[in-house]
Structures are given as structure tokens and as C-alpha cells.
PDB file of N, CA and C in Angstrom:
ATOM      1  N   MET A   1       0.579  -1.176  -0.175  1.00  0.00           N
ATOM      2  CA  MET A   1      -0.222   0.155   0.233  1.00  0.00           C
ATOM      3  C   MET A   1       0.922   1.345   0.291  1.00  0.00           C
ATOM      4  N   GLY A   2       0.294   2.257  -1.104  1.00  0.00           N
ATOM      5  CA  GLY A   2       1.547   3.346  -0.621  1.00  0.00           C
ATOM      6  C   GLY A   2       1.374   4.264   0.232  1.00  0.00           C
ATOM      7  N   ASP A   3       1.900   5.333   0.267  1.00  0.00           N
ATOM      8  CA  ASP A   3       1.825   6.750   1.370  1.00  0.00           C
ATOM      9  C   ASP A   3       0.336   6.976   1.215  1.00  0.00           C
ATOM     10  N   ILE A   4      -0.196   7.435  -0.060  1.00  0.00           N
ATOM     11  CA  ILE A   4      -1.210   8.030   0.000  1.00  0.00           C
ATOM     12  C   ILE A   4      -2.526   7.090   0.216  1.00  0.00           C
ATOM     13  N   ASP A   5      -2.434   6.031  -0.183  1.00  0.00           N
ATOM     14  CA  ASP A   5      -3.526   4.807  -0.060  1.00  0.00           C
ATOM     15  C   ASP A   5      -3.748   4.375   1.880  1.00  0.00           C
ATOM     16  N   ARG A   6      -2.387   5.027   2.462  1.00  0.00           N
ATOM     17  CA  ARG A   6      -2.432   4.560   3.925  1.00  0.00           C
ATOM     18  C   ARG A   6      -3.192   5.720   4.378  1.00  0.00           C
ATOM     19  N   ILE A   7      -2.563   6.688   3.561  1.00  0.00           N
ATOM     20  CA  ILE A   7      -3.470   8.050   4.755  1.00  0.00           C
ATOM     21  C   ILE A   7      -4.599   8.205   4.430  1.00  0.00           C
ATOM     22  N   ARG A   8      -5.156   7.901   3.176  1.00  0.00           N
ATOM     23  CA  ARG A   8      -6.322   7.582   2.824  1.00  0.00           C
ATOM     24  C   ARG A   8      -7.325   7.107   3.198  1.00  0.00           C
ATOM     25  N   TRP A   9      -7.095   5.803   3.830  1.00  0.00           N
ATOM     26  CA  TRP A   9      -7.326   4.928   4.740  1.00  0.00           C
ATOM     27  C   TRP A   9      -7.683   5.089   6.374  1.00  0.00           C
ATOM     28  N   ARG A  10      -6.462   6.025   6.567  1.00  0.00           N
ATOM     29  CA  ARG A  10      -6.446   6.351   8.049  1.00  0.00           C
ATOM     30  C   ARG A  10      -7.730   7.738   7.973  1.00  0.00           C
ATOM     31  N   CYS A  11      -7.931   8.413   6.942  1.00  0.00           N
ATOM     32  CA  CYS A  11      -8.524   9.427   7.288  1.00  0.00           C
ATOM     33  C   CYS A  11     -10.398   8.839   7.076  1.00  0.00           C
ATOM     34  N   ARG A  12     -10.346   7.713   7.125  1.00  0.00           N
ATOM     35  CA  ARG A  12     -11.981   6.843   6.920  1.00  0.00           C
ATOM     36  C   ARG A  12     -12.390   7.077   8.669  1.00  0.00           C
ATOM     37  N   ARG A  13     -13.041   7.859   9.041  1.00  0.00           N
ATOM     38  CA  ARG A  13     -13.863   7.858  10.494  1.00  0.00           C
ATOM     39  C   ARG A  13     -14.755   7.536  10.423  1.00  0.00           C
ATOM     40  N   GLY A  14     -15.140   7.425  11.907  1.00  0.00           N
ATOM     41  CA  GLY A  14     -16.623   6.972  12.087  1.00  0.00           C
ATOM     42  C   GLY A  14     -17.733   7.945  12.706  1.00  0.00           C
ATOM     43  N   LEU A  15     -17.404   9.396  12.084  1.00  0.00           N
ATOM     44  CA  LEU A  15     -18.167  10.477  11.730  1.00  0.00           C
ATOM     45  C   LEU A  15     -18.131  10.943  10.601  1.00  0.00           C
ATOM     46  N   LEU A  16     -19.238  11.179   9.871  1.00  0.00           N
ATOM     47  CA  LEU A  16     -19.666  11.294   8.412  1.00  0.00           C
ATOM     48  C   LEU A  16     -19.131  13.080   8.423  1.00  0.00           C
ATOM     49  N   GLU A  17     -19.048  14.174   8.971  1.00  0.00           N
ATOM     50  CA  GLU A  17     -18.566  15.262   8.986  1.00  0.00           C
ATOM     51  C   GLU A  17     -16.948  15.164   9.015  1.00  0.00           C
ATOM     52  N   LEU A  18     -16.707  14.454   9.517  1.00  0.00           N
ATOM     53  CA  LEU A  18     -15.145  14.422   9.474  1.00  0.00           C
ATOM     54  C   LEU A  18     -14.345  13.817   8.421  1.00  0.00           C
ATOM     55  N   ASP A  19     -15.608  12.254   7.902  1.00  0.00           N
ATOM     56  CA  ASP A  19     -15.095  11.911   6.755  1.00  0.00           C
ATOM     57  C   ASP A  19     -14.658  13.147   5.508  1.00  0.00           C
ATOM     58  N   LEU A  20     -15.931  13.932   5.427  1.00  0.00           N
ATOM     59  CA  LEU A  20     -16.253  15.116   4.455  1.00  0.00           C
ATOM     60  C   LEU A  20     -14.731  16.080   4.448  1.00  0.00           C
ATOM     61  N   VAL A  21     -14.481  16.423   5.886  1.00  0.00           N
ATOM     62  CA  VAL A  21     -13.722  17.428   5.955  1.00  0.00           C
ATOM     63  C   VAL A  21     -12.163  16.693   5.590  1.00  0.00           C
ATOM     64  N   LEU A  22     -11.973  15.894   6.113  1.00  0.00           N
ATOM     65  CA  LEU A  22     -10.769  14.656   5.579  1.00  0.00           C
ATOM     66  C   LEU A  22     -10.696  14.544   4.072  1.00  0.00           C
ATOM     67  N   GLU A  23     -11.525  14.166   3.754  1.00  0.00           N
ATOM     68  CA  GLU A  23     -11.411  13.367   2.094  1.00  0.00           C
ATOM     69  C   GLU A  23     -11.246  15.082   1.384  1.00  0.00           C
ATOM     70  N   ALA A  24     -12.048  16.177   1.796  1.00  0.00           N
ATOM     71  CA  ALA A  24     -11.396  17.434   0.890  1.00  0.00           C
ATOM     72  C   ALA A  24     -10.208  17.817   1.296  1.00  0.00           C
ATOM     73  N   PHE A  25      -9.707  17.737   2.509  1.00  0.00           N
ATOM     74  CA  PHE A  25      -7.761  18.004   3.029  1.00  0.00           C
ATOM     75  C   PHE A  25      -7.362  17.259   1.719  1.00  0.00           C
ATOM     76  N   LEU A  26      -7.218  15.905   1.898  1.00  0.00           N
ATOM     77  CA  LEU A  26      -6.732  15.189   0.998  1.00  0.00           C
ATOM     78  C   LEU A  26      -7.027  15.528  -0.522  1.00  0.00           C
ATOM     79  N   ALA A  27      -7.896  15.792  -1.162  1.00  0.00           N
ATOM     80  CA  ALA A  27      -8.066  16.376  -2.433  1.00  0.00           C
ATOM     81  C   ALA A  27      -7.648  17.276  -2.392  1.00  0.00           C
ATOM     82  N   ARG A  28      -7.148  18.509  -1.877  1.00  0.00           N
ATOM     83  CA  ARG A  28      -6.958  19.863  -2.225  1.00  0.00           C
ATOM     84  C   ARG A  28      -5.517  20.198  -0.958  1.00  0.00           C
ATOM     85  N   GLY A  29      -5.158  19.949   0.268  1.00  0.00           N
ATOM     86  CA  GLY A  29      -4.440  20.253   0.915  1.00  0.00           C
ATOM     87  C   GLY A  29      -3.396  19.674   1.015  1.00  0.00           C
ATOM     88  N   TYR A  30      -3.663  18.515   0.881  1.00  0.00           N
ATOM     89  CA  TYR A  30      -2.086  17.086   1.573  1.00  0.00           C
ATOM     90  C   TYR A  30      -1.023  17.216   0.788  1.00  0.00           C
ATOM     91  N   GLY A  31      -1.036  17.363  -1.133  1.00  0.00           N
ATOM     92  CA  GLY A  31       0.012  17.543  -1.842  1.00  0.00           C
ATOM     93  C   GLY A  31       0.625  18.861  -1.629  1.00  0.00           C
ATOM     94  N   ARG A  32       0.016  19.911  -0.416  1.00  0.00           N
ATOM     95  CA  ARG A  32       1.105  20.945  -0.200  1.00  0.00           C
ATOM     96  C   ARG A  32       1.863  20.566   1.191  1.00  0.00           C
ATOM     97  N   LEU A  33       1.518  19.510   1.736  1.00  0.00           N
ATOM     98  CA  LEU A  33       2.620  19.784   2.808  1.00  0.00           C
ATOM     99  C   LEU A  33       3.357  18.943   2.752  1.00  0.00           C
ATOM    100  N   ASP A  34       4.617  19.319   3.513  1.00  0.00           N
ATOM    101  CA  ASP A  34       6.043  19.280   3.144  1.00  0.00           C
ATOM    102  C   ASP A  34       6.036  17.860   4.076  1.00  0.00           C
ATOM    103  N   ALA A  35       7.428  17.614   3.902  1.00  0.00           N
ATOM    104  CA  ALA A  35       7.494  15.928   4.759  1.00  0.00           C
ATOM    105  C   ALA A  35       7.278  16.204   5.990  1.00  0.00           C
ATOM    106  N   ALA A  36       7.928  17.344   7.054  1.00  0.00           N
ATOM    107  CA  ALA A  36       7.698  17.351   8.337  1.00  0.00           C
ATOM    108  C   ALA A  36       5.530  17.500   8.657  1.00  0.00           C
ATOM    109  N   GLN A  37       5.409  18.125   7.845  1.00  0.00           N
ATOM    110  CA  GLN A  37       3.989  18.514   7.689  1.00  0.00           C
ATOM    111  C   GLN A  37       3.097  17.325   7.958  1.00  0.00           C
ATOM    112  N   ARG A  38       3.467  16.394   6.922  1.00  0.00           N
ATOM    113  CA  ARG A  38       2.726  15.315   6.467  1.00  0.00           C
ATOM    114  C   ARG A  38       2.902  14.317   7.742  1.00  0.00           C
ATOM    115  N   GLY A  39       4.162  14.312   8.462  1.00  0.00           N
ATOM    116  CA  GLY A  39       4.306  13.486   9.825  1.00  0.00           C
ATOM    117  C   GLY A  39       3.445  14.292  10.757  1.00  0.00           C
ATOM    118  N   LEU A  40       3.434  15.145  11.147  1.00  0.00           N
ATOM    119  CA  LEU A  40       2.409  15.936  12.038  1.00  0.00           C
ATOM    120  C   LEU A  40       0.884  15.567  11.816  1.00  0.00           C
ATOM    121  N   PHE A  41       0.472  15.435  10.145  1.00  0.00           N
ATOM    122  CA  PHE A  41      -0.812  15.635   9.962  1.00  0.00           C
ATOM    123  C   PHE A  41      -1.003  13.804  10.310  1.00  0.00           C
ATOM    124  N   ASP A  42      -0.237  13.173  10.178  1.00  0.00           N
ATOM    125  CA  ASP A  42       0.245  11.927  10.499  1.00  0.00           C
ATOM    126  C   ASP A  42      -0.583  11.634  12.282  1.00  0.00           C
ATOM    127  N   GLU A  43       0.281  12.467  12.858  1.00  0.00           N
ATOM    128  CA  GLU A  43       0.102  12.150  14.290  1.00  0.00           C
ATOM    129  C   GLU A  43      -1.263  12.686  14.898  1.00  0.00           C
ATOM    130  N   LEU A  44      -1.675  13.894  13.672  1.00  0.00           N
ATOM    131  CA  LEU A  44      -3.008  14.351  14.127  1.00  0.00           C
ATOM    132  C   LEU A  44      -4.206  13.103  14.268  1.00  0.00           C
ATOM    133  N   LEU A  45      -3.907  11.885  12.719  1.00  0.00           N
ATOM    134  CA  LEU A  45      -4.739  11.081  12.765  1.00  0.00           C
ATOM    135  C   LEU A  45      -5.120  10.007  13.820  1.00  0.00           C
ATOM    136  N   GLU A  46      -3.919  10.239  14.830  1.00  0.00           N
ATOM    137  CA  GLU A  46      -3.898   9.287  15.811  1.00  0.00           C
ATOM    138  C   GLU A  46      -5.565   9.804  17.038  1.00  0.00           C
ATOM    139  N   ARG A  47      -5.395  11.421  17.128  1.00  0.00           N
ATOM    140  CA  ARG A  47      -6.198  11.728  17.835  1.00  0.00           C
ATOM    141  C   ARG A  47      -8.213  10.720  17.600  1.00  0.00           C
ATOM    142  N   PRO A  48      -8.867  10.969  19.025  1.00  0.00           N
ATOM    143  CA  PRO A  48     -10.226  10.758  18.536  1.00  0.00           C
ATOM    144  C   PRO A  48     -11.014  11.257  17.934  1.00  0.00           C
ATOM    145  N   ASP A  49     -11.803  10.845  16.879  1.00  0.00           N
ATOM    146  CA  ASP A  49     -12.552  11.573  16.065  1.00  0.00           C
ATOM    147  C   ASP A  49     -13.466  12.762  16.216  1.00  0.00           C
ATOM    148  N   ASN A  50     -13.492  13.068  17.627  1.00  0.00           N
ATOM    149  CA  ASN A  50     -14.435  14.443  18.249  1.00  0.00           C
ATOM    150  C   ASN A  50     -13.745  14.974  18.338  1.00  0.00           C
ATOM    151  N   GLU A  51     -12.341  14.813  18.668  1.00  0.00           N
ATOM    152  CA  GLU A  51     -10.973  15.869  19.000  1.00  0.00           C
ATOM    153  C   GLU A  51     -10.441  16.416  17.549  1.00  0.00           C
ATOM    154  N   LEU A  52     -10.319  15.584  17.036  1.00  0.00           N
ATOM    155  CA  LEU A  52      -9.902  15.665  15.962  1.00  0.00           C
ATOM    156  C   LEU A  52     -11.094  17.033  14.459  1.00  0.00           C
ATOM    157  N   LEU A  53     -12.437  16.121  15.149  1.00  0.00           N
ATOM    158  CA  LEU A  53     -13.387  17.490  14.258  1.00  0.00           C
ATOM    159  C   LEU A  53     -13.733  18.937  14.482  1.00  0.00           C
ATOM    160  N   ASP A  54     -13.081  18.465  16.196  1.00  0.00           N
ATOM    161  CA  ASP A  54     -13.127  19.773  17.042  1.00  0.00           C
ATOM    162  C   ASP A  54     -12.119  20.685  16.795  1.00  0.00           C
ATOM    163  N   LEU A  55     -10.908  20.182  16.246  1.00  0.00           N
ATOM    164  CA  LEU A  55      -9.511  21.042  16.220  1.00  0.00           C
ATOM    165  C   LEU A  55     -10.413  21.371  13.837  1.00  0.00           C
ATOM    166  N   ALA A  56     -10.464  20.398  13.530  1.00  0.00           N
ATOM    167  CA  ALA A  56     -11.134  20.775  12.387  1.00  0.00           C
ATOM    168  C   ALA A  56     -11.925  22.082  12.127  1.00  0.00           C
ATOM    169  N   LEU A  57     -12.916  21.757  13.012  1.00  0.00           N
ATOM    170  CA  LEU A  57     -14.048  22.798  12.743  1.00  0.00           C
ATOM    171  C   LEU A  57     -13.606  24.385  13.478  1.00  0.00           C
ATOM    172  N   GLY A  58     -12.436  24.324  14.109  1.00  0.00           N
ATOM    173  CA  GLY A  58     -12.329  25.600  15.100  1.00  0.00           C
ATOM    174  C   GLY A  58     -12.911  25.826  16.460  1.00  0.00           C
ATOM    175  N   ARG A  59     -13.381  24.359  16.992  1.00  0.00           N
ATOM    176  CA  ARG A  59     -14.243  24.645  18.049  1.00  0.00           C
ATOM    177  C   ARG A  59     -13.103  24.476  19.418  1.00  0.00           C
ATOM    178  N   ARG A  60     -11.804  23.675  18.807  1.00  0.00           N
ATOM    179  CA  ARG A  60     -10.295  23.590  20.074  1.00  0.00           C
ATOM    180  C   ARG A  60      -9.091  24.161  18.880  1.00  0.00           C
ATOM    181  N   GLU A  61      -8.507  24.490  20.072  1.00  0.00           N
ATOM    182  CA  GLU A  61      -6.831  25.084  19.123  1.00  0.00           C
ATOM    183  C   GLU A  61      -6.208  23.974  19.505  1.00  0.00           C
ATOM    184  N   PRO A  62      -5.457  24.046  18.372  1.00  0.00           N
ATOM    185  CA  PRO A  62      -4.287  23.015  18.585  1.00  0.00           C
ATOM    186  C   PRO A  62      -2.824  22.872  19.160  1.00  0.00           C
ATOM    187  N   GLU A  63      -2.610  22.517  20.168  1.00  0.00           N
ATOM    188  CA  GLU A  63      -1.045  22.458  20.331  1.00  0.00           C
ATOM    189  C   GLU A  63      -0.049  23.720  19.304  1.00  0.00           C
ATOM    190  N   ALA A  64       0.793  24.476  19.552  1.00  0.00           N
ATOM    191  CA  ALA A  64       1.548  24.830  18.414  1.00  0.00           C
ATOM    192  C   ALA A  64       2.608  24.156  17.294  1.00  0.00           C
ATOM    193  N   ARG A  65       2.664  23.068  17.883  1.00  0.00           N
ATOM    194  CA  ARG A  65       3.436  22.335  16.444  1.00  0.00           C
ATOM    195  C   ARG A  65       2.518  22.016  15.832  1.00  0.00           C
ATOM    196  N   TYR A  66       1.279  22.050  15.671  1.00  0.00           N
ATOM    197  CA  TYR A  66       0.071  21.547  14.673  1.00  0.00           C
ATOM    198  C   TYR A  66      -0.544  22.610  13.981  1.00  0.00           C
ATOM    199  N   ARG A  67      -0.363  23.917  14.788  1.00  0.00           N
ATOM    200  CA  ARG A  67      -0.901  25.226  13.882  1.00  0.00           C
ATOM    201  C   ARG A  67      -1.117  25.089  12.583  1.00  0.00           C
ATOM    202  N   ALA A  68       0.134  24.889  12.086  1.00  0.00           N
ATOM    203  CA  ALA A  68       0.251  25.034  10.693  1.00  0.00           C
ATOM    204  C   ALA A  68      -0.334  24.327   9.610  1.00  0.00           C
ATOM    205  N   VAL A  69      -0.509  23.117  10.273  1.00  0.00           N
ATOM    206  CA  VAL A  69      -1.359  21.725   9.722  1.00  0.00           C
ATOM    207  C   VAL A  69      -2.815  22.009   9.781  1.00  0.00           C
ATOM    208  N   VAL A  70      -3.210  22.705  10.946  1.00  0.00           N
ATOM    209  CA  VAL A  70      -4.489  22.565  11.235  1.00  0.00           C
ATOM    210  C   VAL A  70      -5.091  23.760  11.022  1.00  0.00           C
ATOM    211  N   ASP A  71      -4.050  24.838  10.213  1.00  0.00           N
ATOM    212  CA  ASP A  71      -4.967  25.748   9.684  1.00  0.00           C
ATOM    213  C   ASP A  71      -4.934  25.747   8.339  1.00  0.00           C
ATOM    214  N   MET A  72      -4.397  25.124   7.827  1.00  0.00           N
ATOM    215  CA  MET A  72      -4.471  24.105   6.321  1.00  0.00           C
ATOM    216  C   MET A  72      -6.075  23.463   6.390  1.00  0.00           C
ATOM    217  N   LEU A  73      -5.781  22.704   6.985  1.00  0.00           N
ATOM    218  CA  LEU A  73      -6.864  21.926   7.203  1.00  0.00           C
ATOM    219  C   LEU A  73      -8.339  22.603   7.096  1.00  0.00           C
ATOM    220  N   ARG A  74      -8.305  23.632   8.169  1.00  0.00           N
ATOM    221  CA  ARG A  74      -9.529  24.405   8.229  1.00  0.00           C
ATOM    222  C   ARG A  74      -9.766  25.131   7.132  1.00  0.00           C
ATOM    223  N   ALA A  75      -9.042  25.367   6.344  1.00  0.00           N
ATOM    224  CA  ALA A  75      -9.117  26.588   5.368  1.00  0.00           C
ATOM    225  C   ALA A  75      -9.862  26.330   4.115  1.00  0.00           C
ATOM    226  N   ASP A  76     -10.110  24.935   3.681  1.00  0.00           N
ATOM    227  CA  ASP A  76     -10.957  24.467   2.704  1.00  0.00           C
ATOM    228  C   ASP A  76     -11.767  23.583   3.366  1.00  0.00           C
ATOM    229  N   PRO A  77     -13.111  23.440   3.954  1.00  0.00           N
ATOM    230  CA  PRO A  77     -13.702  22.331   4.463  1.00  0.00           C
ATOM    231  C   PRO A  77     -14.534  22.110   3.313  1.00  0.00           C
ATOM    232  N   GLY A  78     -14.875  22.320   2.233  1.00  0.00           N
ATOM    233  CA  GLY A  78     -15.844  22.181   1.352  1.00  0.00           C
ATOM    234  C   GLY A  78     -15.632  20.584   0.762  1.00  0.00           C
ATOM    235  N   PRO A  79     -16.489  20.176   0.198  1.00  0.00           N
ATOM    236  CA  PRO A  79     -16.632  18.972  -0.189  1.00  0.00           C
ATOM    237  C   PRO A  79     -15.175  18.895  -1.208  1.00  0.00           C
ATOM    238  N   ALA A  80     -14.727  17.452  -1.506  1.00  0.00           N
ATOM    239  CA  ALA A  80     -13.407  17.197  -2.302  1.00  0.00           C
ATOM    240  C   ALA A  80     -14.546  17.183  -3.849  1.00  0.00           C
ATOM    241  N   PRO A  81     -13.600  17.661  -4.701  1.00  0.00           N
ATOM    242  CA  PRO A  81     -13.674  17.404  -6.197  1.00  0.00           C
ATOM    243  C   PRO A  81     -13.603  15.757  -6.588  1.00  0.00           C
ATOM    244  N   ALA A  82     -14.057  15.917  -7.323  1.00  0.00           N
ATOM    245  CA  ALA A  82     -14.384  14.599  -7.939  1.00  0.00           C
ATOM    246  C   ALA A  82     -12.963  14.405  -9.077  1.00  0.00           C
ATOM    247  N   GLY A  83     -11.864  13.137  -8.542  1.00  0.00           N
ATOM    248  CA  GLY A  83     -10.975  12.831  -9.370  1.00  0.00           C
ATOM    249  C   GLY A  83      -9.693  12.687  -8.145  1.00  0.00           C
ATOM    250  N   GLY A  84     -10.235  12.804  -6.697  1.00  0.00           N
ATOM    251  CA  GLY A  84      -9.311  12.347  -5.391  1.00  0.00           C
ATOM    252  C   GLY A  84      -8.286  13.504  -5.347  1.00  0.00           C
ATOM    253  N   VAL A  85      -7.097  12.754  -4.673  1.00  0.00           N
ATOM    254  CA  VAL A  85      -6.229  13.168  -3.961  1.00  0.00           C
ATOM    255  C   VAL A  85      -5.236  14.249  -5.318  1.00  0.00           C
ATOM    256  N   GLY A  86      -5.279  15.594  -4.658  1.00  0.00           N
ATOM    257  CA  GLY A  86      -4.567  16.538  -5.957  1.00  0.00           C
ATOM    258  C   GLY A  86      -5.145  16.737  -7.280  1.00  0.00           C
ATOM    259  N   ALA A  87      -6.733  16.639  -7.360  1.00  0.00           N
ATOM    260  CA  ALA A  87      -7.285  17.155  -8.287  1.00  0.00           C
ATOM    261  C   ALA A  87      -7.715  18.516  -8.500  1.00  0.00           C
ATOM    262  N   ALA A  88      -7.727  18.995  -9.442  1.00  0.00           N
ATOM    263  CA  ALA A  88      -7.420  20.782  -9.194  1.00  0.00           C
ATOM    264  C   ALA A  88      -9.363  21.043  -9.507  1.00  0.00           C
ATOM    265  N   ARG A  89      -9.767  22.015  -8.971  1.00  0.00           N
ATOM    266  CA  ARG A  89     -10.971  22.321  -8.328  1.00  0.00           C
ATOM    267  C   ARG A  89     -11.468  23.641  -9.449  1.00  0.00           C
ATOM    268  N   ALA A  90     -12.254  23.417 -10.053  1.00  0.00           N
ATOM    269  CA  ALA A  90     -13.156  23.537 -11.190  1.00  0.00           C
ATOM    270  C   ALA A  90     -13.425  25.178 -11.083  1.00  0.00           C
ATOM    271  N   VAL A  91     -12.951  26.280 -11.448  1.00  0.00           N
ATOM    272  CA  VAL A  91     -13.126  27.634 -11.305  1.00  0.00           C
ATOM    273  C   VAL A  91     -14.440  27.896 -12.702  1.00  0.00           C
TER     274      VAL A  91
END
């Protein structure tokens, strides 16, 4: 299983709202993360669903080391475009 497949699998959660946020992030934001930020995102996926959803929706503030990744996660919470990871957004 490739890295993106592993991340995609780990983004499948028990909360539909969180699934939608993470799917959109994988499609539009994950490709902009550098290696260190990808590691931090991977760490964030260890969090319980409710905590991760609160972070994504701004109901909870992240620890300083996760701030940049969480800010990117919050930047575009809309539905993911067809085509999956890295798909261009229709304008």
C-alpha cells in the first residue's frame, strides 16, 4: 500500500462530518504539505474522532506544533472535487 493509500485509509473515520473534511483536505491540501507537515498530519490522525473534528472546525485550538497543519485543514472544509487527491478545482 502506497503512502497516499495509507493516509486515505486512515482518514476514513466514524463521523461523516469528519470524513468529509478529511476527504476535502486530501484532495486539495495534502499535496501542499512538506514531509515534516505530513508527519504531523499523520500524528493528528491518531486523535479521537471528536477531538479531530473539533480541531478541524475551530472548536478547539491545536498545540503550537500542529498549528500550520490545522490551519490548512480549516482553510477549505468544502466537499472534495471528483478525481481524488490533487485533483484541480473547477473555476
